Amino acid sequence: MKYWLMKSEPEECSFDDLLTMKRKTVAWFGVRNYQARNFMRDDMRPGDGVLFYHSSCAEPGIAGIAEVASPPYPDATQFDPKSPYFDAGSKRDTPRWVNVDVRAVRKTRLVPIAELRAHEKLADMVVLRKGNRLSITPVSAKHWRYVLERLIDGGG
């Protein structure tokens, strides 16, 4: 099992939105960064843990725990000329972009990025590295356990 931090802008899909969906599952579409795409395509598997992170908002941070719910499959938005994620260079027989489904496991208190930064044991967490702007980053098992045990279940 692997662990991930996946960023979503709450205006597009918040953790609360995910909880209201029929199957509590959403396709993680629109990723247009090759490294993030490669994580989904090559490394993610159903059952992997996800820290669902709100980004580009007043208080960015972890808003819930989720899991990868499907293997990777072609992102349909790349073929839709009306979509902001349309990619004219991508072909149906050789799609350039993939997504996975993500399923809500449980809502947590918001763990702001400032709180993550305040913990020395998380200093080398990928999302906290200077200049990191990837929408999907791997999370080590030790960081996953620390965030869950100390910040989420332990309350801070």
N, C-alpha and C. Protein backbone atom coordinates (compact mmCIF):
# COMPACT_ATOMS: atom_id res chain seq x y z
N MET A 1 0.84 -1.17 0.00
CA MET A 1 0.00 0.00 0.00
C MET A 1 0.88 1.24 0.00
N LYS A 2 0.45 2.23 -0.79
CA LYS A 2 1.15 3.51 -0.85
C LYS A 2 0.22 4.59 -0.33
N TYR A 3 0.80 5.76 -0.11
CA TYR A 3 0.04 6.89 0.44
C TYR A 3 0.31 8.12 -0.40
N TRP A 4 -0.71 8.98 -0.49
CA TRP A 4 -0.67 10.14 -1.37
C TRP A 4 -1.30 11.35 -0.70
N LEU A 5 -0.89 12.53 -1.12
CA LEU A 5 -1.59 13.76 -0.81
C LEU A 5 -2.09 14.28 -2.14
N MET A 6 -3.41 14.49 -2.22
CA MET A 6 -4.02 14.95 -3.47
C MET A 6 -4.73 16.27 -3.19
N LYS A 7 -4.37 17.27 -3.98
CA LYS A 7 -4.91 18.62 -3.78
C LYS A 7 -6.12 18.86 -4.66
N SER A 8 -7.11 19.49 -4.07
CA SER A 8 -8.31 19.90 -4.80
C SER A 8 -8.70 21.30 -4.34
N GLU A 9 -9.08 22.13 -5.27
CA GLU A 9 -9.60 23.44 -4.89
C GLU A 9 -11.03 23.23 -4.41
N PRO A 10 -11.35 23.69 -3.20
CA PRO A 10 -12.69 23.44 -2.64
C PRO A 10 -13.83 23.94 -3.52
N GLU A 11 -13.59 24.98 -4.32
CA GLU A 11 -14.63 25.48 -5.23
C GLU A 11 -14.94 24.47 -6.33
N GLU A 12 -13.95 23.64 -6.67
CA GLU A 12 -14.16 22.62 -7.70
C GLU A 12 -14.69 21.32 -7.09
N CYS A 13 -14.06 20.86 -6.01
CA CYS A 13 -14.53 19.66 -5.30
C CYS A 13 -13.93 19.68 -3.90
N SER A 14 -14.74 19.99 -2.91
CA SER A 14 -14.29 19.97 -1.52
C SER A 14 -14.52 18.57 -0.94
N PHE A 15 -13.96 18.32 0.22
CA PHE A 15 -14.20 17.03 0.85
C PHE A 15 -15.67 16.88 1.20
N ASP A 16 -16.31 17.97 1.61
CA ASP A 16 -17.76 17.92 1.88
C ASP A 16 -18.53 17.56 0.62
N ASP A 17 -18.11 18.10 -0.53
CA ASP A 17 -18.76 17.73 -1.81
C ASP A 17 -18.64 16.22 -2.03
N LEU A 18 -17.46 15.70 -1.79
CA LEU A 18 -17.22 14.27 -1.99
C LEU A 18 -18.15 13.44 -1.10
N LEU A 19 -18.35 13.89 0.12
CA LEU A 19 -19.23 13.16 1.04
C LEU A 19 -20.68 13.13 0.59
N THR A 20 -21.09 14.13 -0.20
CA THR A 20 -22.49 14.18 -0.63
C THR A 20 -22.74 13.41 -1.93
N MET A 21 -21.67 12.97 -2.59
CA MET A 21 -21.83 12.23 -3.84
C MET A 21 -22.40 10.84 -3.55
N LYS A 22 -23.15 10.33 -4.47
CA LYS A 22 -23.87 9.07 -4.28
C LYS A 22 -22.97 7.95 -3.75
N ARG A 23 -21.83 7.74 -4.39
CA ARG A 23 -20.92 6.67 -3.95
C ARG A 23 -19.74 7.22 -3.17
N LYS A 24 -19.81 8.52 -2.82
CA LYS A 24 -18.70 9.19 -2.12
C LYS A 24 -17.39 9.04 -2.89
N THR A 25 -17.53 9.02 -4.23
CA THR A 25 -16.39 8.79 -5.11
C THR A 25 -16.39 9.83 -6.22
N VAL A 26 -15.20 10.28 -6.58
CA VAL A 26 -15.06 11.25 -7.67
C VAL A 26 -13.89 10.83 -8.56
N ALA A 27 -14.04 11.07 -9.85
CA ALA A 27 -12.93 10.88 -10.79
C ALA A 27 -11.97 12.06 -10.60
N TRP A 28 -10.70 11.78 -10.43
CA TRP A 28 -9.69 12.82 -10.22
C TRP A 28 -9.18 13.29 -11.59
N PHE A 29 -10.04 14.02 -12.29
CA PHE A 29 -9.78 14.42 -13.67
C PHE A 29 -9.07 15.76 -13.74
N GLY A 30 -8.57 16.07 -14.91
CA GLY A 30 -8.00 17.38 -15.18
C GLY A 30 -6.54 17.56 -14.81
N VAL A 31 -5.88 16.52 -14.37
CA VAL A 31 -4.45 16.62 -14.04
C VAL A 31 -3.67 16.76 -15.34
N ARG A 32 -2.93 17.86 -15.47
CA ARG A 32 -2.18 18.11 -16.69
C ARG A 32 -0.71 18.39 -16.39
N ASN A 33 -0.18 17.62 -15.48
CA ASN A 33 1.23 17.66 -15.15
C ASN A 33 1.73 16.23 -15.31
N TYR A 34 2.81 16.05 -16.05
CA TYR A 34 3.27 14.70 -16.36
C TYR A 34 3.70 13.91 -15.12
N GLN A 35 4.35 14.56 -14.17
CA GLN A 35 4.78 13.82 -12.98
C GLN A 35 3.58 13.35 -12.17
N ALA A 36 2.58 14.22 -11.98
CA ALA A 36 1.36 13.83 -11.25
C ALA A 36 0.62 12.75 -12.03
N ARG A 37 0.56 12.88 -13.34
CA ARG A 37 -0.06 11.85 -14.18
C ARG A 37 0.64 10.50 -14.00
N ASN A 38 1.96 10.54 -13.98
CA ASN A 38 2.72 9.30 -13.83
C ASN A 38 2.47 8.63 -12.48
N PHE A 39 2.29 9.43 -11.44
CA PHE A 39 1.94 8.85 -10.14
C PHE A 39 0.64 8.06 -10.27
N MET A 40 -0.38 8.66 -10.91
CA MET A 40 -1.67 7.97 -11.06
C MET A 40 -1.52 6.74 -11.96
N ARG A 41 -0.86 6.92 -13.08
CA ARG A 41 -0.76 5.86 -14.09
C ARG A 41 0.11 4.69 -13.63
N ASP A 42 1.24 4.99 -13.00
CA ASP A 42 2.24 3.96 -12.74
C ASP A 42 2.28 3.45 -11.30
N ASP A 43 1.85 4.27 -10.36
CA ASP A 43 2.09 3.92 -8.96
C ASP A 43 0.84 3.73 -8.10
N MET A 44 -0.25 4.38 -8.43
CA MET A 44 -1.44 4.29 -7.59
C MET A 44 -2.18 2.98 -7.83
N ARG A 45 -2.71 2.44 -6.75
CA ARG A 45 -3.50 1.22 -6.80
C ARG A 45 -4.73 1.38 -5.90
N PRO A 46 -5.83 0.71 -6.24
CA PRO A 46 -7.00 0.76 -5.36
C PRO A 46 -6.63 0.37 -3.93
N GLY A 47 -7.13 1.14 -2.99
CA GLY A 47 -6.84 0.91 -1.57
C GLY A 47 -5.75 1.79 -1.02
N ASP A 48 -4.95 2.42 -1.89
CA ASP A 48 -3.93 3.34 -1.40
C ASP A 48 -4.59 4.47 -0.61
N GLY A 49 -3.92 4.92 0.44
CA GLY A 49 -4.44 6.00 1.28
C GLY A 49 -4.21 7.37 0.66
N VAL A 50 -5.15 8.28 0.91
CA VAL A 50 -5.07 9.63 0.36
C VAL A 50 -5.35 10.65 1.45
N LEU A 51 -4.46 11.63 1.60
CA LEU A 51 -4.75 12.82 2.38
C LEU A 51 -5.38 13.80 1.42
N PHE A 52 -6.67 14.09 1.61
CA PHE A 52 -7.42 14.98 0.72
C PHE A 52 -7.16 16.40 1.20
N TYR A 53 -6.51 17.19 0.35
CA TYR A 53 -5.96 18.49 0.73
C TYR A 53 -6.67 19.60 -0.03
N HIS A 54 -7.19 20.58 0.69
CA HIS A 54 -7.79 21.76 0.06
C HIS A 54 -6.68 22.75 -0.28
N SER A 55 -6.63 23.20 -1.53
CA SER A 55 -5.60 24.14 -1.97
C SER A 55 -6.25 25.37 -2.61
N SER A 56 -5.44 26.39 -2.82
CA SER A 56 -5.89 27.63 -3.47
C SER A 56 -7.15 28.17 -2.78
N CYS A 57 -7.08 28.25 -1.46
CA CYS A 57 -8.21 28.74 -0.69
C CYS A 57 -7.67 29.54 0.50
N ALA A 58 -8.56 30.12 1.29
CA ALA A 58 -8.14 30.96 2.41
C ALA A 58 -7.25 30.21 3.40
N GLU A 59 -7.58 28.96 3.69
CA GLU A 59 -6.77 28.16 4.62
C GLU A 59 -6.52 26.78 4.04
N PRO A 60 -5.42 26.63 3.27
CA PRO A 60 -5.09 25.32 2.71
C PRO A 60 -4.75 24.32 3.79
N GLY A 61 -5.12 23.06 3.56
CA GLY A 61 -4.75 22.02 4.50
C GLY A 61 -5.49 20.73 4.24
N ILE A 62 -5.19 19.73 5.06
CA ILE A 62 -5.81 18.41 4.94
C ILE A 62 -7.23 18.51 5.49
N ALA A 63 -8.21 18.06 4.69
CA ALA A 63 -9.62 18.16 5.07
C ALA A 63 -10.27 16.80 5.27
N GLY A 64 -9.58 15.72 4.87
CA GLY A 64 -10.18 14.41 5.02
C GLY A 64 -9.24 13.31 4.60
N ILE A 65 -9.68 12.08 4.89
CA ILE A 65 -8.96 10.88 4.49
C ILE A 65 -9.79 10.21 3.40
N ALA A 66 -9.11 9.79 2.36
CA ALA A 66 -9.78 9.12 1.24
C ALA A 66 -8.93 7.92 0.84
N GLU A 67 -9.37 7.25 -0.21
CA GLU A 67 -8.59 6.13 -0.75
C GLU A 67 -8.73 6.11 -2.26
N VAL A 68 -7.71 5.58 -2.91
CA VAL A 68 -7.79 5.35 -4.35
C VAL A 68 -8.81 4.24 -4.55
N ALA A 69 -9.79 4.47 -5.43
CA ALA A 69 -10.91 3.54 -5.58
C ALA A 69 -10.95 2.84 -6.93
N SER A 70 -10.01 3.12 -7.82
CA SER A 70 -10.01 2.46 -9.12
C SER A 70 -8.59 2.42 -9.67
N PRO A 71 -8.36 1.53 -10.62
CA PRO A 71 -7.10 1.63 -11.36
C PRO A 71 -7.17 2.86 -12.27
N PRO A 72 -6.04 3.28 -12.83
CA PRO A 72 -6.07 4.42 -13.74
C PRO A 72 -6.83 4.09 -15.02
N TYR A 73 -7.48 5.11 -15.58
CA TYR A 73 -8.19 4.97 -16.85
C TYR A 73 -8.16 6.32 -17.56
N PRO A 74 -8.38 6.36 -18.87
CA PRO A 74 -8.27 7.62 -19.61
C PRO A 74 -9.20 8.70 -19.07
N ASP A 75 -8.65 9.89 -18.93
CA ASP A 75 -9.41 11.07 -18.50
C ASP A 75 -10.24 11.55 -19.69
N ALA A 76 -11.55 11.44 -19.59
CA ALA A 76 -12.44 11.80 -20.70
C ALA A 76 -12.38 13.27 -21.06
N THR A 77 -12.00 14.13 -20.12
CA THR A 77 -11.99 15.58 -20.41
C THR A 77 -10.95 15.95 -21.47
N GLN A 78 -9.94 15.12 -21.66
CA GLN A 78 -8.92 15.44 -22.66
C GLN A 78 -9.47 15.40 -24.08
N PHE A 79 -10.60 14.70 -24.27
CA PHE A 79 -11.20 14.55 -25.61
C PHE A 79 -12.36 15.50 -25.86
N ASP A 80 -12.76 16.27 -24.85
CA ASP A 80 -13.93 17.15 -24.95
C ASP A 80 -13.51 18.58 -25.27
N PRO A 81 -13.76 19.03 -26.51
CA PRO A 81 -13.34 20.38 -26.89
C PRO A 81 -13.97 21.49 -26.03
N LYS A 82 -15.05 21.20 -25.35
CA LYS A 82 -15.69 22.20 -24.49
C LYS A 82 -15.09 22.23 -23.09
N SER A 83 -14.25 21.27 -22.77
CA SER A 83 -13.66 21.19 -21.44
C SER A 83 -12.43 22.09 -21.33
N PRO A 84 -12.22 22.71 -20.18
CA PRO A 84 -10.97 23.47 -19.99
C PRO A 84 -9.75 22.56 -19.96
N TYR A 85 -9.97 21.25 -19.85
CA TYR A 85 -8.88 20.28 -19.82
C TYR A 85 -8.67 19.58 -21.16
N PHE A 86 -9.32 20.07 -22.21
CA PHE A 86 -9.18 19.50 -23.55
C PHE A 86 -7.72 19.53 -23.99
N ASP A 87 -7.28 18.46 -24.64
CA ASP A 87 -5.93 18.35 -25.17
C ASP A 87 -6.03 17.85 -26.61
N ALA A 88 -5.90 18.77 -27.55
CA ALA A 88 -6.05 18.43 -28.97
C ALA A 88 -5.02 17.40 -29.43
N GLY A 89 -3.89 17.30 -28.74
CA GLY A 89 -2.85 16.35 -29.13
C GLY A 89 -3.07 14.94 -28.63
N SER A 90 -4.01 14.76 -27.74
CA SER A 90 -4.26 13.44 -27.17
C SER A 90 -5.24 12.67 -28.05
N LYS A 91 -4.94 11.44 -28.31
CA LYS A 91 -5.77 10.60 -29.19
C LYS A 91 -6.43 9.48 -28.38
N ARG A 92 -7.63 9.08 -28.78
CA ARG A 92 -8.35 8.04 -28.05
C ARG A 92 -7.60 6.71 -28.00
N ASP A 93 -6.87 6.39 -29.06
CA ASP A 93 -6.13 5.13 -29.06
C ASP A 93 -4.81 5.22 -28.29
N THR A 94 -4.34 6.43 -28.04
CA THR A 94 -3.13 6.66 -27.23
C THR A 94 -3.37 7.87 -26.32
N PRO A 95 -4.23 7.73 -25.32
CA PRO A 95 -4.53 8.88 -24.47
C PRO A 95 -3.30 9.34 -23.69
N ARG A 96 -3.19 10.63 -23.54
CA ARG A 96 -2.07 11.22 -22.85
C ARG A 96 -2.33 11.31 -21.35
N TRP A 97 -3.58 11.49 -20.97
CA TRP A 97 -3.93 11.79 -19.58
C TRP A 97 -4.83 10.71 -18.97
N VAL A 98 -4.59 10.41 -17.72
CA VAL A 98 -5.40 9.42 -17.00
C VAL A 98 -5.94 10.05 -15.72
N ASN A 99 -6.88 9.34 -15.12
CA ASN A 99 -7.32 9.69 -13.78
C ASN A 99 -7.60 8.41 -13.01
N VAL A 100 -7.78 8.56 -11.73
CA VAL A 100 -8.24 7.47 -10.87
C VAL A 100 -9.48 7.98 -10.16
N ASP A 101 -10.26 7.07 -9.62
CA ASP A 101 -11.36 7.48 -8.76
C ASP A 101 -10.84 7.54 -7.33
N VAL A 102 -11.36 8.51 -6.59
CA VAL A 102 -11.01 8.69 -5.19
C VAL A 102 -12.29 8.61 -4.37
N ARG A 103 -12.25 7.83 -3.28
CA ARG A 103 -13.43 7.63 -2.43
C ARG A 103 -13.17 8.19 -1.03
N ALA A 104 -14.15 8.91 -0.51
CA ALA A 104 -14.06 9.44 0.85
C ALA A 104 -14.05 8.30 1.85
N VAL A 105 -13.20 8.41 2.86
CA VAL A 105 -13.18 7.47 3.97
C VAL A 105 -13.76 8.15 5.21
N ARG A 106 -13.19 9.32 5.55
CA ARG A 106 -13.75 10.08 6.67
C ARG A 106 -13.27 11.52 6.65
N LYS A 107 -14.14 12.38 7.12
CA LYS A 107 -13.80 13.79 7.24
C LYS A 107 -12.95 13.95 8.50
N THR A 108 -12.04 14.90 8.45
CA THR A 108 -11.20 15.22 9.60
C THR A 108 -11.35 16.70 9.91
N ARG A 109 -10.79 17.09 11.01
CA ARG A 109 -10.68 18.53 11.23
C ARG A 109 -9.71 19.05 10.17
N LEU A 110 -9.80 20.32 9.83
CA LEU A 110 -8.84 20.88 8.88
C LEU A 110 -7.48 20.96 9.56
N VAL A 111 -6.47 20.38 8.92
CA VAL A 111 -5.10 20.47 9.41
C VAL A 111 -4.38 21.43 8.47
N PRO A 112 -4.26 22.70 8.87
CA PRO A 112 -3.68 23.71 7.97
C PRO A 112 -2.21 23.45 7.67
N ILE A 113 -1.78 23.98 6.54
CA ILE A 113 -0.38 23.79 6.14
C ILE A 113 0.57 24.38 7.18
N ALA A 114 0.16 25.47 7.83
CA ALA A 114 1.01 26.05 8.87
C ALA A 114 1.24 25.06 10.01
N GLU A 115 0.23 24.29 10.34
CA GLU A 115 0.37 23.28 11.40
C GLU A 115 1.28 22.15 10.93
N LEU A 116 1.16 21.74 9.67
CA LEU A 116 2.06 20.72 9.14
C LEU A 116 3.50 21.20 9.23
N ARG A 117 3.72 22.47 8.85
CA ARG A 117 5.07 23.04 8.87
C ARG A 117 5.65 23.12 10.29
N ALA A 118 4.80 23.22 11.28
CA ALA A 118 5.24 23.38 12.67
C ALA A 118 5.79 22.09 13.27
N HIS A 119 5.62 20.98 12.59
CA HIS A 119 6.08 19.69 13.10
C HIS A 119 7.38 19.28 12.42
N GLU A 120 8.45 19.27 13.19
CA GLU A 120 9.77 18.94 12.66
C GLU A 120 9.82 17.57 12.00
N LYS A 121 9.04 16.62 12.51
CA LYS A 121 9.04 15.26 11.93
C LYS A 121 8.43 15.23 10.53
N LEU A 122 7.78 16.31 10.11
CA LEU A 122 7.20 16.38 8.76
C LEU A 122 8.02 17.26 7.83
N ALA A 123 9.15 17.76 8.28
CA ALA A 123 9.94 18.74 7.53
C ALA A 123 10.27 18.29 6.11
N ASP A 124 10.47 16.99 5.91
CA ASP A 124 10.82 16.52 4.56
C ASP A 124 9.61 15.96 3.80
N MET A 125 8.41 16.23 4.28
CA MET A 125 7.20 15.82 3.55
C MET A 125 7.16 16.58 2.23
N VAL A 126 6.89 15.91 1.14
CA VAL A 126 7.00 16.49 -0.20
C VAL A 126 6.18 17.77 -0.33
N VAL A 127 4.95 17.78 0.17
CA VAL A 127 4.09 18.96 0.02
C VAL A 127 4.68 20.20 0.70
N LEU A 128 5.57 20.00 1.67
CA LEU A 128 6.16 21.12 2.40
C LEU A 128 7.48 21.61 1.80
N ARG A 129 7.96 20.94 0.79
CA ARG A 129 9.22 21.35 0.17
C ARG A 129 9.04 22.66 -0.58
N LYS A 130 10.03 23.50 -0.46
CA LYS A 130 10.00 24.80 -1.12
C LYS A 130 9.84 24.62 -2.63
N GLY A 131 8.92 25.37 -3.21
CA GLY A 131 8.70 25.34 -4.65
C GLY A 131 7.80 24.21 -5.13
N ASN A 132 7.36 23.33 -4.23
CA ASN A 132 6.49 22.24 -4.66
C ASN A 132 5.10 22.75 -4.99
N ARG A 133 4.63 22.46 -6.19
CA ARG A 133 3.29 22.88 -6.59
C ARG A 133 2.50 21.73 -7.21
N LEU A 134 3.02 20.52 -7.09
CA LEU A 134 2.32 19.37 -7.68
C LEU A 134 0.99 19.13 -6.99
N SER A 135 0.00 18.72 -7.78
CA SER A 135 -1.33 18.45 -7.24
C SER A 135 -1.42 17.08 -6.59
N ILE A 136 -0.47 16.21 -6.88
CA ILE A 136 -0.41 14.88 -6.28
C ILE A 136 1.03 14.64 -5.85
N THR A 137 1.20 14.28 -4.58
CA THR A 137 2.54 13.97 -4.10
C THR A 137 2.51 12.70 -3.27
N PRO A 138 3.59 11.92 -3.32
CA PRO A 138 3.65 10.74 -2.47
C PRO A 138 3.82 11.16 -1.01
N VAL A 139 3.32 10.32 -0.13
CA VAL A 139 3.47 10.51 1.32
C VAL A 139 4.11 9.24 1.86
N SER A 140 5.19 9.39 2.60
CA SER A 140 5.84 8.20 3.16
C SER A 140 4.95 7.58 4.23
N ALA A 141 5.17 6.31 4.51
CA ALA A 141 4.40 5.62 5.54
C ALA A 141 4.60 6.30 6.90
N LYS A 142 5.83 6.76 7.19
CA LYS A 142 6.07 7.40 8.49
C LYS A 142 5.32 8.73 8.58
N HIS A 143 5.26 9.48 7.49
CA HIS A 143 4.50 10.74 7.50
C HIS A 143 3.00 10.47 7.61
N TRP A 144 2.52 9.46 6.89
CA TRP A 144 1.10 9.08 6.95
C TRP A 144 0.71 8.78 8.40
N ARG A 145 1.49 7.91 9.05
CA ARG A 145 1.19 7.53 10.43
C ARG A 145 1.25 8.74 11.37
N TYR A 146 2.26 9.57 11.19
CA TYR A 146 2.41 10.74 12.05
C TYR A 146 1.21 11.68 11.90
N VAL A 147 0.83 11.97 10.67
CA VAL A 147 -0.31 12.88 10.44
C VAL A 147 -1.58 12.28 11.06
N LEU A 148 -1.83 11.01 10.83
CA LEU A 148 -3.04 10.41 11.40
C LEU A 148 -2.99 10.34 12.92
N GLU A 149 -1.90 9.82 13.47
CA GLU A 149 -1.82 9.60 14.91
C GLU A 149 -1.67 10.88 15.72
N ARG A 150 -0.86 11.82 15.24
CA ARG A 150 -0.56 13.02 16.03
C ARG A 150 -1.47 14.20 15.71
N LEU A 151 -1.82 14.38 14.43
CA LEU A 151 -2.53 15.60 14.04
C LEU A 151 -4.02 15.39 13.87
N ILE A 152 -4.41 14.22 13.40
CA ILE A 152 -5.83 13.99 13.13
C ILE A 152 -6.47 13.26 14.32
N ASP A 153 -6.06 12.04 14.59
CA ASP A 153 -6.67 11.29 15.68
C ASP A 153 -6.22 11.83 17.04
N GLY A 154 -5.01 12.36 17.10
CA GLY A 154 -4.51 12.92 18.35
C GLY A 154 -4.95 14.35 18.59
N GLY A 155 -5.53 14.98 17.55
CA GLY A 155 -6.11 16.31 17.70
C GLY A 155 -5.15 17.47 17.68
N GLY A 156 -3.87 17.25 17.34
CA GLY A 156 -2.97 18.38 17.21
C GLY A 156 -1.91 18.33 18.18
